[in-house]
Each structure stands twice: as C-alpha cells, then as structure tokens.
Amino acid sequence: MSEQTVGFVGLGNMGAVLAANLVHAGHPLVSHDALGPARSPEGSVYVPSVAEVARRAEVVVLSLPDGTVSEKVARELLAADESRVRYVVDTSTVGVPAARSIADLLAEEGIGHVDAPVSGGVAGARARTLTVMYAGTDEACSRVEGVLAGLSDRRRRVGERPGMAQALKLANNFLAATALAATSEAVAFGLSVGLDMATMLDVLNGSSGRSAATDDKFPRHVLTGRYAAGFTNSLMAKDVRLYLDAIVDQGGPVSVGQVAAAVWEDFAAAEPGADFTRIFPFTAGS
C-alpha cells in the first residue's frame, strides 16, 4: 500500500480507467475533471479544482485531450497557493513541441515532468496490458516509478527528454491509423466481389496482410457491429495531424502521412466524435 497521495486530472474514457488502476494499486488518489465527479473512481477523493489537486498531491497525472489543455492545467497547478506538486506525469498525446514547452514551464518552478503517453485502448487499460511509453530525466522517472507501475503492467522508458515518448506515440498511432484505414478499403473491396468478412479476416491473419486492424479491431468491433473501441475519430485525426506536423518539422517523408491525415480528417468532419473503428462503414459507404 502506497502512502503517497497522487493527483489525477482528466477523467475521460482513458483517464477514468487509469485513475481506477492507481486506486487498485493502493495509491491514495485525489481526482478532478472539468465535467464533474461522475467518473471519479470508487476509492478516490474528488476535488472541485486543479488547485485543490495541487495542494494535496506531490505527483499529478494528466490524461487530457490535447496540448492546449495540458498546458492550461500545468499553469493552474503552478498558480495554486500552497502547492505540493513536485512531478507531473502527462499521459496525454500532446505532440513533441507541446511536451517540451510544458516541461520547460514546469522546470521554471522546479517541477519534474515525465512525458508518458499510452497505447492499447480502454480495454488494454482495464486489463493492465496498456503500454506506457515514457521519457524524462533519471531523477524524475525514478521518483514516479511507483505511479507508472500503478497505471499498467507494461511500461518502457524510451528516452531522457520530454517529447521523445510523444514522438514514439505519434509514430505508433500513425501506423495504427494507416492500417485501419487501409484494412477498411481492402475489406470493402473483398465484400464488393462477394467475399465473406470473417473468411477474409481468417485468411489475412494467417498471411502477410495481418495487422492490429485485422487481428483486433475488425474481429472485435467491425465484424460484431459493436464499434466501441473507446477512442474517437476526432482524437485519431488530431494524432495523425500531430504526426504529420512533427515529420514536416524534422524534414522527413510525408507522402503516406498526408494521405492518412486527409482520410482521418474527412471521417472526423463527417462524423465528429464517432468511434474510430467506424471508419469501415464510412469508407465502405454503408
């Protein structure tokens, strides 16, 4: 049982599960969300403001929609009277420049920052199979090791500088987004000539076309008609755009990235907030 109180800000689909994981791991938890206490996990203490989180917790975990919101919350933590915060662990996908900017902002007040985006979906978070990829100084990573362990059983330090974990997360989401969009087109093609979707997936998963899309997303969410992976098309479009922006900044190749970004932006514009697995009926025109 940990005696260190942890703060948690952002109780969306992913954040609520990660916060619950920390409670189940034995961390006393104070939580806050802009939409209120409805998703605050049992066993935690909900507080009405970010400032109150700052007054109660030395380590604060963020799970927020984008870099603008993460920076806003970081500034609120810094502005709190009698703040106890010494480390911020940001599990949000914010992009490389935002992670660096937020880390610099916190460092001005002596607060350590650990860039710690996650991958594996809400189901992975519940099963503790979610991957936490994290980057930060030796000192910061060491001091929040117990909190990271509370989030998931799968963790990997990928670098020593904020932004490095963001880069890997964006590369991961770009690959996932591209595979899901391409699989949607391929399956729609197969159906158009009379193939059965389940048969297609069985063969693809035993062949070189196998991916997380054919092995997980299609069997669990498309074939069943559930479409409930817990991640929205709007967030995927944001992540692919962040990836493309980062590639442009680095002077890297963008040909596939530009196509993927356009596909996801079109889908998000047509059906904002839809589960990202619904890209199949969007692509198939059904």
C-alpha atoms as a PDB file:
ATOM      1  CA  MET A   1       0.000   0.000   0.000  1.00  0.00           C
ATOM      2  CA  SER A   2       1.427   3.352  -1.051  1.00  0.00           C
ATOM      3  CA  GLU A   3       1.108   6.308   1.349  1.00  0.00           C
ATOM      4  CA  GLN A   4       1.930   8.875  -1.347  1.00  0.00           C
ATOM      5  CA  THR A   5      -1.165  10.786  -2.437  1.00  0.00           C
ATOM      6  CA  VAL A   6      -1.389  11.017  -6.216  1.00  0.00           C
ATOM      7  CA  GLY A   7      -3.400  13.616  -8.075  1.00  0.00           C
ATOM      8  CA  PHE A   8      -5.256  12.849 -11.298  1.00  0.00           C
ATOM      9  CA  VAL A   9      -6.708  15.404 -13.716  1.00  0.00           C
ATOM     10  CA  GLY A  10      -8.847  14.271 -16.673  1.00  0.00           C
ATOM     11  CA  LEU A  11     -11.417  11.511 -16.218  1.00  0.00           C
ATOM     12  CA  GLY A  12     -12.395  10.774 -19.808  1.00  0.00           C
ATOM     13  CA  ASN A  13     -12.658   7.299 -21.334  1.00  0.00           C
ATOM     14  CA  MET A  14      -8.983   6.561 -20.746  1.00  0.00           C
ATOM     15  CA  GLY A  15      -8.347   8.740 -17.712  1.00  0.00           C
ATOM     16  CA  ALA A  16     -11.130   7.214 -15.631  1.00  0.00           C
ATOM     17  CA  VAL A  17      -9.663   3.731 -16.099  1.00  0.00           C
ATOM     18  CA  LEU A  18      -6.090   4.836 -15.411  1.00  0.00           C
ATOM     19  CA  ALA A  19      -7.241   6.620 -12.261  1.00  0.00           C
ATOM     20  CA  ALA A  20      -9.036   3.465 -11.127  1.00  0.00           C
ATOM     21  CA  ASN A  21      -5.861   1.453 -11.777  1.00  0.00           C
ATOM     22  CA  LEU A  22      -3.958   3.723  -9.408  1.00  0.00           C
ATOM     23  CA  VAL A  23      -6.588   3.243  -6.705  1.00  0.00           C
ATOM     24  CA  HIS A  24      -6.499  -0.537  -7.178  1.00  0.00           C
ATOM     25  CA  ALA A  25      -2.698  -0.433  -6.943  1.00  0.00           C
ATOM     26  CA  GLY A  26      -3.010   1.121  -3.491  1.00  0.00           C
ATOM     27  CA  HIS A  27      -2.347   4.792  -4.198  1.00  0.00           C
ATOM     28  CA  PRO A  28      -4.423   7.312  -2.253  1.00  0.00           C
ATOM     29  CA  LEU A  29      -5.906   9.368  -5.077  1.00  0.00           C
ATOM     30  CA  VAL A  30      -7.424  12.822  -5.440  1.00  0.00           C
ATOM     31  CA  SER A  31      -9.099  13.437  -8.770  1.00  0.00           C
ATOM     32  CA  HIS A  32     -10.586  16.264 -10.787  1.00  0.00           C
ATOM     33  CA  ASP A  33     -12.350  16.629 -14.117  1.00  0.00           C
ATOM     34  CA  ALA A  34     -13.814  19.702 -15.772  1.00  0.00           C
ATOM     35  CA  LEU A  35     -17.115  17.855 -16.249  1.00  0.00           C
ATOM     36  CA  GLY A  36     -17.512  16.933 -12.600  1.00  0.00           C
ATOM     37  CA  PRO A  37     -17.193  13.852 -10.374  1.00  0.00           C
ATOM     38  CA  ALA A  38     -19.266  11.304 -12.316  1.00  0.00           C
ATOM     39  CA  ARG A  39     -16.230   9.309 -13.448  1.00  0.00           C
ATOM     40  CA  SER A  40     -14.115   9.674 -10.336  1.00  0.00           C
ATOM     41  CA  PRO A  41     -13.241   6.078  -9.390  1.00  0.00           C
ATOM     42  CA  GLU A  42     -14.527   4.466  -6.228  1.00  0.00           C
ATOM     43  CA  GLY A  43     -11.917   4.826  -3.517  1.00  0.00           C
ATOM     44  CA  SER A  44     -10.649   8.205  -4.733  1.00  0.00           C
ATOM     45  CA  VAL A  45     -11.436  11.655  -3.364  1.00  0.00           C
ATOM     46  CA  TYR A  46     -12.901  14.038  -5.916  1.00  0.00           C
ATOM     47  CA  VAL A  47     -11.889  17.690  -5.503  1.00  0.00           C
ATOM     48  CA  PRO A  48     -13.508  20.683  -7.214  1.00  0.00           C
ATOM     49  CA  SER A  49     -10.436  22.296  -8.766  1.00  0.00           C
ATOM     50  CA  VAL A  50      -6.977  21.710 -10.208  1.00  0.00           C
ATOM     51  CA  ALA A  51      -5.644  23.993  -7.478  1.00  0.00           C
ATOM     52  CA  GLU A  52      -7.001  21.644  -4.809  1.00  0.00           C
ATOM     53  CA  VAL A  53      -5.276  18.723  -6.535  1.00  0.00           C
ATOM     54  CA  ALA A  54      -2.048  20.728  -6.359  1.00  0.00           C
ATOM     55  CA  ARG A  55      -2.492  21.340  -2.634  1.00  0.00           C
ATOM     56  CA  ARG A  56      -2.936  17.639  -1.878  1.00  0.00           C
ATOM     57  CA  ALA A  57      -0.605  15.713  -4.215  1.00  0.00           C
ATOM     58  CA  GLU A  58       3.135  15.636  -4.890  1.00  0.00           C
ATOM     59  CA  VAL A  59       2.723  13.667  -8.128  1.00  0.00           C
ATOM     60  CA  VAL A  60      -0.043  14.647 -10.544  1.00  0.00           C
ATOM     61  CA  VAL A  61      -1.066  12.524 -13.532  1.00  0.00           C
ATOM     62  CA  LEU A  62      -2.733  14.185 -16.510  1.00  0.00           C
ATOM     63  CA  SER A  63      -4.995  12.480 -19.062  1.00  0.00           C
ATOM     64  CA  LEU A  64      -6.237  15.280 -21.286  1.00  0.00           C
ATOM     65  CA  PRO A  65      -7.371  15.731 -24.900  1.00  0.00           C
ATOM     66  CA  ASP A  66      -4.539  17.864 -26.291  1.00  0.00           C
ATOM     67  CA  GLY A  67      -1.520  20.028 -25.608  1.00  0.00           C
ATOM     68  CA  THR A  68      -3.515  23.229 -25.146  1.00  0.00           C
ATOM     69  CA  VAL A  69      -5.484  21.705 -22.285  1.00  0.00           C
ATOM     70  CA  SER A  70      -2.380  20.068 -20.770  1.00  0.00           C
ATOM     71  CA  GLU A  71      -0.582  23.419 -20.725  1.00  0.00           C
ATOM     72  CA  LYS A  72      -3.625  25.131 -19.188  1.00  0.00           C
ATOM     73  CA  VAL A  73      -3.742  22.555 -16.392  1.00  0.00           C
ATOM     74  CA  ALA A  74       0.032  22.809 -15.863  1.00  0.00           C
ATOM     75  CA  ARG A  75      -0.356  26.576 -15.412  1.00  0.00           C
ATOM     76  CA  GLU A  76      -3.198  26.035 -12.933  1.00  0.00           C
ATOM     77  CA  LEU A  77      -1.002  23.656 -10.931  1.00  0.00           C
ATOM     78  CA  LEU A  78       1.756  26.269 -10.878  1.00  0.00           C
ATOM     79  CA  ALA A  79      -0.609  29.046  -9.818  1.00  0.00           C
ATOM     80  CA  ALA A  80      -2.078  27.153  -6.862  1.00  0.00           C
ATOM     81  CA  ASP A  81      -1.397  28.513  -3.382  1.00  0.00           C
ATOM     82  CA  GLU A  82       0.437  26.071  -1.092  1.00  0.00           C
ATOM     83  CA  SER A  83       1.069  23.667  -3.969  1.00  0.00           C
ATOM     84  CA  ARG A  84       2.768  20.384  -3.072  1.00  0.00           C
ATOM     85  CA  VAL A  85       3.367  19.297  -6.680  1.00  0.00           C
ATOM     86  CA  ARG A  86       6.879  18.085  -7.436  1.00  0.00           C
ATOM     87  CA  TYR A  87       6.290  15.898 -10.506  1.00  0.00           C
ATOM     88  CA  VAL A  88       3.784  15.832 -13.365  1.00  0.00           C
ATOM     89  CA  VAL A  89       3.220  12.670 -15.395  1.00  0.00           C
ATOM     90  CA  ASP A  90       1.411  13.522 -18.628  1.00  0.00           C
ATOM     91  CA  THR A  91      -0.245  10.507 -20.260  1.00  0.00           C
ATOM     92  CA  SER A  92      -1.950  12.732 -22.852  1.00  0.00           C
ATOM     93  CA  THR A  93      -0.977  12.736 -26.523  1.00  0.00           C
ATOM     94  CA  VAL A  94       0.112  16.343 -26.965  1.00  0.00           C
ATOM     95  CA  GLY A  95       2.851  16.271 -29.611  1.00  0.00           C
ATOM     96  CA  VAL A  96       6.574  16.891 -29.378  1.00  0.00           C
ATOM     97  CA  PRO A  97       6.701  20.722 -29.161  1.00  0.00           C
ATOM     98  CA  ALA A  98       3.922  20.854 -26.542  1.00  0.00           C
ATOM     99  CA  ALA A  99       5.625  18.253 -24.346  1.00  0.00           C
ATOM    100  CA  ARG A 100       8.855  20.230 -24.445  1.00  0.00           C
ATOM    101  CA  SER A 101       7.064  23.506 -23.750  1.00  0.00           C
ATOM    102  CA  ILE A 102       5.152  22.103 -20.774  1.00  0.00           C
ATOM    103  CA  ALA A 103       8.313  20.515 -19.364  1.00  0.00           C
ATOM    104  CA  ASP A 104      10.152  23.830 -19.626  1.00  0.00           C
ATOM    105  CA  LEU A 105       7.266  25.666 -17.980  1.00  0.00           C
ATOM    106  CA  LEU A 106       7.240  23.264 -15.024  1.00  0.00           C
ATOM    107  CA  ALA A 107      11.030  23.246 -14.743  1.00  0.00           C
ATOM    108  CA  GLU A 108      10.998  27.001 -14.090  1.00  0.00           C
ATOM    109  CA  GLU A 109       9.351  26.183 -10.757  1.00  0.00           C
ATOM    110  CA  GLY A 110      11.479  23.114 -10.045  1.00  0.00           C
ATOM    111  CA  ILE A 111       8.789  20.602 -11.007  1.00  0.00           C
ATOM    112  CA  GLY A 112       9.853  17.467 -12.865  1.00  0.00           C
ATOM    113  CA  HIS A 113       7.980  16.335 -15.972  1.00  0.00           C
ATOM    114  CA  VAL A 114       7.589  12.808 -17.323  1.00  0.00           C
ATOM    115  CA  ASP A 115       6.263  12.511 -20.863  1.00  0.00           C
ATOM    116  CA  ALA A 116       4.205   9.291 -20.672  1.00  0.00           C
ATOM    117  CA  PRO A 117       1.641   8.720 -23.452  1.00  0.00           C
ATOM    118  CA  VAL A 118      -0.160   5.400 -23.531  1.00  0.00           C
ATOM    119  CA  SER A 119      -1.248   2.930 -26.205  1.00  0.00           C
ATOM    120  CA  GLY A 120      -3.578  -0.031 -26.070  1.00  0.00           C
ATOM    121  CA  GLY A 121      -7.037   1.440 -25.743  1.00  0.00           C
ATOM    122  CA  VAL A 122      -9.509   1.473 -22.888  1.00  0.00           C
ATOM    123  CA  ALA A 123      -9.729  -2.340 -22.906  1.00  0.00           C
ATOM    124  CA  GLY A 124      -5.958  -2.519 -22.574  1.00  0.00           C
ATOM    125  CA  ALA A 125      -6.067  -0.068 -19.690  1.00  0.00           C
ATOM    126  CA  ARG A 126      -8.644  -2.195 -17.873  1.00  0.00           C
ATOM    127  CA  ALA A 127      -6.591  -5.351 -18.460  1.00  0.00           C
ATOM    128  CA  ARG A 128      -3.369  -3.542 -17.443  1.00  0.00           C
ATOM    129  CA  THR A 129      -1.850  -4.519 -20.795  1.00  0.00           C
ATOM    130  CA  LEU A 130      -1.712  -0.891 -21.935  1.00  0.00           C
ATOM    131  CA  THR A 131       1.782   0.244 -22.953  1.00  0.00           C
ATOM    132  CA  VAL A 132       3.088   3.289 -21.099  1.00  0.00           C
ATOM    133  CA  MET A 133       5.989   4.731 -23.091  1.00  0.00           C
ATOM    134  CA  TYR A 134       7.769   7.367 -21.059  1.00  0.00           C
ATOM    135  CA  ALA A 135      10.666   9.796 -21.207  1.00  0.00           C
ATOM    136  CA  GLY A 136      12.233  12.091 -18.648  1.00  0.00           C
ATOM    137  CA  THR A 137      15.305  12.632 -16.518  1.00  0.00           C
ATOM    138  CA  ASP A 138      16.706   9.770 -14.472  1.00  0.00           C
ATOM    139  CA  GLU A 139      15.643  11.542 -11.286  1.00  0.00           C
ATOM    140  CA  ALA A 140      12.072  12.251 -12.405  1.00  0.00           C
ATOM    141  CA  CYS A 141      11.500   8.771 -13.824  1.00  0.00           C
ATOM    142  CA  SER A 142      12.864   7.187 -10.655  1.00  0.00           C
ATOM    143  CA  ARG A 143      10.655   9.275  -8.375  1.00  0.00           C
ATOM    144  CA  VAL A 144       7.438   8.449 -10.245  1.00  0.00           C
ATOM    145  CA  GLU A 145       8.260   4.783 -10.892  1.00  0.00           C
ATOM    146  CA  GLY A 146       5.604   3.574  -8.459  1.00  0.00           C
ATOM    147  CA  VAL A 147       2.947   5.724 -10.102  1.00  0.00           C
ATOM    148  CA  LEU A 148       3.859   4.456 -13.562  1.00  0.00           C
ATOM    149  CA  ALA A 149       3.660   0.890 -12.223  1.00  0.00           C
ATOM    150  CA  GLY A 150       0.191   1.686 -10.891  1.00  0.00           C
ATOM    151  CA  LEU A 151      -1.005   2.701 -14.339  1.00  0.00           C
ATOM    152  CA  SER A 152      -0.135  -0.526 -16.183  1.00  0.00           C
ATOM    153  CA  ASP A 153       1.956  -3.677 -16.108  1.00  0.00           C
ATOM    154  CA  ARG A 154       3.579  -2.728 -19.427  1.00  0.00           C
ATOM    155  CA  ARG A 155       5.983   0.187 -19.273  1.00  0.00           C
ATOM    156  CA  ARG A 156       9.033   1.169 -21.295  1.00  0.00           C
ATOM    157  CA  ARG A 157      11.325   4.125 -20.843  1.00  0.00           C
ATOM    158  CA  VAL A 158      12.193   5.367 -24.322  1.00  0.00           C
ATOM    159  CA  GLY A 159      14.360   8.416 -23.676  1.00  0.00           C
ATOM    160  CA  GLU A 160      15.581  11.050 -21.281  1.00  0.00           C
ATOM    161  CA  ARG A 161      13.946  14.144 -22.797  1.00  0.00           C
ATOM    162  CA  PRO A 162      10.283  15.182 -22.858  1.00  0.00           C
ATOM    163  CA  GLY A 163       8.941  14.833 -26.384  1.00  0.00           C
ATOM    164  CA  MET A 164      10.741  11.575 -27.126  1.00  0.00           C
ATOM    165  CA  ALA A 165       7.831   9.468 -25.863  1.00  0.00           C
ATOM    166  CA  GLN A 166       5.430  11.702 -27.781  1.00  0.00           C
ATOM    167  CA  ALA A 167       7.368  11.029 -30.974  1.00  0.00           C
ATOM    168  CA  LEU A 168       7.073   7.271 -30.479  1.00  0.00           C
ATOM    169  CA  LYS A 169       3.378   7.506 -29.601  1.00  0.00           C
ATOM    170  CA  LEU A 170       2.684   9.547 -32.737  1.00  0.00           C
ATOM    171  CA  ALA A 171       4.579   7.038 -34.887  1.00  0.00           C
ATOM    172  CA  ASN A 172       2.558   4.235 -33.278  1.00  0.00           C
ATOM    173  CA  ASN A 173      -0.780   5.959 -33.854  1.00  0.00           C
ATOM    174  CA  PHE A 174       0.133   6.812 -37.424  1.00  0.00           C
ATOM    175  CA  LEU A 175       0.795   3.125 -38.109  1.00  0.00           C
ATOM    176  CA  ALA A 176      -2.431   2.091 -36.362  1.00  0.00           C
ATOM    177  CA  ALA A 177      -4.465   4.717 -38.218  1.00  0.00           C
ATOM    178  CA  THR A 178      -2.994   3.814 -41.576  1.00  0.00           C
ATOM    179  CA  ALA A 179      -3.522   0.083 -41.043  1.00  0.00           C
ATOM    180  CA  LEU A 180      -7.141   0.564 -40.022  1.00  0.00           C
ATOM    181  CA  ALA A 181      -7.923   2.829 -42.966  1.00  0.00           C
ATOM    182  CA  ALA A 182      -6.170   0.524 -45.439  1.00  0.00           C
ATOM    183  CA  THR A 183      -7.861  -2.566 -43.993  1.00  0.00           C
ATOM    184  CA  SER A 184     -11.238  -0.849 -44.314  1.00  0.00           C
ATOM    185  CA  GLU A 185     -10.635  -0.252 -48.011  1.00  0.00           C
ATOM    186  CA  ALA A 186      -9.342  -3.788 -48.556  1.00  0.00           C
ATOM    187  CA  VAL A 187     -12.281  -5.436 -46.770  1.00  0.00           C
ATOM    188  CA  ALA A 188     -14.765  -3.221 -48.598  1.00  0.00           C
ATOM    189  CA  PHE A 189     -13.165  -4.354 -51.857  1.00  0.00           C
ATOM    190  CA  GLY A 190     -13.449  -8.021 -50.846  1.00  0.00           C
ATOM    191  CA  LEU A 191     -17.105  -7.648 -49.896  1.00  0.00           C
ATOM    192  CA  SER A 192     -17.810  -5.984 -53.244  1.00  0.00           C
ATOM    193  CA  VAL A 193     -16.797  -9.172 -55.087  1.00  0.00           C
ATOM    194  CA  GLY A 194     -18.764 -11.448 -52.745  1.00  0.00           C
ATOM    195  CA  LEU A 195     -16.180 -12.477 -50.145  1.00  0.00           C
ATOM    196  CA  ASP A 196     -17.287 -13.063 -46.556  1.00  0.00           C
ATOM    197  CA  MET A 197     -15.717 -10.698 -43.981  1.00  0.00           C
ATOM    198  CA  ALA A 198     -14.990 -13.418 -41.413  1.00  0.00           C
ATOM    199  CA  THR A 199     -13.316 -15.535 -44.074  1.00  0.00           C
ATOM    200  CA  MET A 200     -11.249 -12.594 -45.223  1.00  0.00           C
ATOM    201  CA  LEU A 201     -10.065 -11.876 -41.684  1.00  0.00           C
ATOM    202  CA  ASP A 202      -9.151 -15.528 -41.057  1.00  0.00           C
ATOM    203  CA  VAL A 203      -7.026 -15.621 -44.202  1.00  0.00           C
ATOM    204  CA  LEU A 204      -5.465 -12.184 -43.687  1.00  0.00           C
ATOM    205  CA  ASN A 205      -4.497 -13.075 -40.121  1.00  0.00           C
ATOM    206  CA  GLY A 206      -2.633 -16.107 -41.423  1.00  0.00           C
ATOM    207  CA  SER A 207      -0.987 -14.114 -44.177  1.00  0.00           C
ATOM    208  CA  SER A 208       1.272 -11.129 -44.704  1.00  0.00           C
ATOM    209  CA  GLY A 209      -1.590  -8.626 -44.502  1.00  0.00           C
ATOM    210  CA  ARG A 210      -2.045  -9.213 -40.780  1.00  0.00           C
ATOM    211  CA  SER A 211      -2.096  -6.137 -38.511  1.00  0.00           C
ATOM    212  CA  ALA A 212      -3.746  -4.928 -35.318  1.00  0.00           C
ATOM    213  CA  ALA A 213      -6.645  -3.887 -37.549  1.00  0.00           C
ATOM    214  CA  THR A 214      -7.248  -7.403 -38.912  1.00  0.00           C
ATOM    215  CA  ASP A 215      -6.354  -9.180 -35.661  1.00  0.00           C
ATOM    216  CA  ASP A 216      -8.164  -6.983 -33.153  1.00  0.00           C
ATOM    217  CA  LYS A 217     -10.217  -4.027 -34.358  1.00  0.00           C
ATOM    218  CA  PHE A 218     -12.106  -5.770 -37.145  1.00  0.00           C
ATOM    219  CA  PRO A 219     -12.941  -9.011 -35.284  1.00  0.00           C
ATOM    220  CA  ARG A 220     -13.929  -7.212 -32.066  1.00  0.00           C
ATOM    221  CA  HIS A 221     -15.643  -4.111 -33.354  1.00  0.00           C
ATOM    222  CA  VAL A 222     -16.426  -4.228 -37.078  1.00  0.00           C
ATOM    223  CA  LEU A 223     -17.453  -7.847 -37.614  1.00  0.00           C
ATOM    224  CA  THR A 224     -19.561  -7.752 -34.433  1.00  0.00           C
ATOM    225  CA  GLY A 225     -21.014  -4.321 -35.185  1.00  0.00           C
ATOM    226  CA  ARG A 226     -20.003  -3.103 -31.700  1.00  0.00           C
ATOM    227  CA  TYR A 227     -17.866  -0.148 -32.825  1.00  0.00           C
ATOM    228  CA  ALA A 228     -16.874   0.525 -29.216  1.00  0.00           C
ATOM    229  CA  ALA A 229     -13.089   0.607 -29.020  1.00  0.00           C
ATOM    230  CA  GLY A 230     -13.317   3.732 -26.847  1.00  0.00           C
ATOM    231  CA  PHE A 231     -11.219   6.084 -28.993  1.00  0.00           C
ATOM    232  CA  THR A 232     -12.786   8.705 -31.236  1.00  0.00           C
ATOM    233  CA  ASN A 233     -12.079   9.523 -34.844  1.00  0.00           C
ATOM    234  CA  SER A 234     -11.571  13.149 -33.808  1.00  0.00           C
ATOM    235  CA  LEU A 235      -8.718  12.172 -31.497  1.00  0.00           C
ATOM    236  CA  MET A 236      -7.183   9.923 -34.157  1.00  0.00           C
ATOM    237  CA  ALA A 237      -7.359  12.725 -36.713  1.00  0.00           C
ATOM    238  CA  LYS A 238      -5.650  15.008 -34.180  1.00  0.00           C
ATOM    239  CA  ASP A 239      -2.890  12.451 -33.536  1.00  0.00           C
ATOM    240  CA  VAL A 240      -2.212  11.836 -37.230  1.00  0.00           C
ATOM    241  CA  ARG A 241      -2.075  15.585 -37.818  1.00  0.00           C
ATOM    242  CA  LEU A 242       0.400  15.950 -34.927  1.00  0.00           C
ATOM    243  CA  TYR A 243       2.496  13.193 -36.501  1.00  0.00           C
ATOM    244  CA  LEU A 244       2.438  14.906 -39.892  1.00  0.00           C
ATOM    245  CA  ASP A 245       3.368  18.264 -38.347  1.00  0.00           C
ATOM    246  CA  ALA A 246       6.264  16.637 -36.491  1.00  0.00           C
ATOM    247  CA  ILE A 247       7.519  14.961 -39.663  1.00  0.00           C
ATOM    248  CA  VAL A 248       7.425  18.293 -41.502  1.00  0.00           C
ATOM    249  CA  ASP A 249       9.394  19.892 -38.657  1.00  0.00           C
ATOM    250  CA  GLN A 250      12.030  17.162 -38.961  1.00  0.00           C
ATOM    251  CA  GLY A 251      12.131  17.353 -42.764  1.00  0.00           C
ATOM    252  CA  GLY A 252      11.050  13.734 -43.141  1.00  0.00           C
ATOM    253  CA  PRO A 253       8.939  11.979 -45.802  1.00  0.00           C
ATOM    254  CA  VAL A 254       5.245  12.850 -45.749  1.00  0.00           C
ATOM    255  CA  SER A 255       3.656  11.133 -48.762  1.00  0.00           C
ATOM    256  CA  VAL A 256       1.792   8.429 -46.820  1.00  0.00           C
ATOM    257  CA  GLY A 257       1.238  10.734 -43.845  1.00  0.00           C
ATOM    258  CA  GLN A 258      -0.540  13.307 -45.991  1.00  0.00           C
ATOM    259  CA  VAL A 259      -2.941  10.704 -47.362  1.00  0.00           C
ATOM    260  CA  ALA A 260      -3.649   9.215 -43.927  1.00  0.00           C
ATOM    261  CA  ALA A 261      -4.229  12.651 -42.410  1.00  0.00           C
ATOM    262  CA  ALA A 262      -6.684  13.566 -45.164  1.00  0.00           C
ATOM    263  CA  VAL A 263      -8.652  10.316 -44.724  1.00  0.00           C
ATOM    264  CA  TRP A 264      -8.999  10.738 -40.962  1.00  0.00           C
ATOM    265  CA  GLU A 265      -9.825  14.419 -41.178  1.00  0.00           C
ATOM    266  CA  ASP A 266     -12.576  13.683 -43.713  1.00  0.00           C
ATOM    267  CA  PHE A 267     -14.009  10.966 -41.444  1.00  0.00           C
ATOM    268  CA  ALA A 268     -13.853  13.192 -38.336  1.00  0.00           C
ATOM    269  CA  ALA A 269     -15.526  16.058 -40.207  1.00  0.00           C
ATOM    270  CA  ALA A 270     -18.325  13.790 -41.469  1.00  0.00           C
ATOM    271  CA  GLU A 271     -19.000  12.023 -38.144  1.00  0.00           C
ATOM    272  CA  PRO A 272     -17.318  14.007 -35.354  1.00  0.00           C
ATOM    273  CA  GLY A 273     -16.751  12.027 -32.165  1.00  0.00           C
ATOM    274  CA  ALA A 274     -17.549   8.621 -33.684  1.00  0.00           C
ATOM    275  CA  ASP A 275     -15.634   5.570 -32.508  1.00  0.00           C
ATOM    276  CA  PHE A 276     -12.582   5.307 -34.717  1.00  0.00           C
ATOM    277  CA  THR A 277     -13.474   1.750 -35.788  1.00  0.00           C
ATOM    278  CA  ARG A 278     -16.443   3.224 -37.653  1.00  0.00           C
ATOM    279  CA  ILE A 279     -14.018   4.203 -40.360  1.00  0.00           C
ATOM    280  CA  PHE A 280     -15.043   0.947 -42.028  1.00  0.00           C
ATOM    281  CA  PRO A 281     -18.683   1.850 -42.715  1.00  0.00           C
ATOM    282  CA  PHE A 282     -17.548   5.388 -43.566  1.00  0.00           C
ATOM    283  CA  THR A 283     -15.053   4.008 -46.091  1.00  0.00           C
ATOM    284  CA  ALA A 284     -17.473   1.393 -47.422  1.00  0.00           C
ATOM    285  CA  GLY A 285     -20.237   3.970 -47.807  1.00  0.00           C
ATOM    286  CA  SER A 286     -22.644   1.981 -45.665  1.00  0.00           C
END
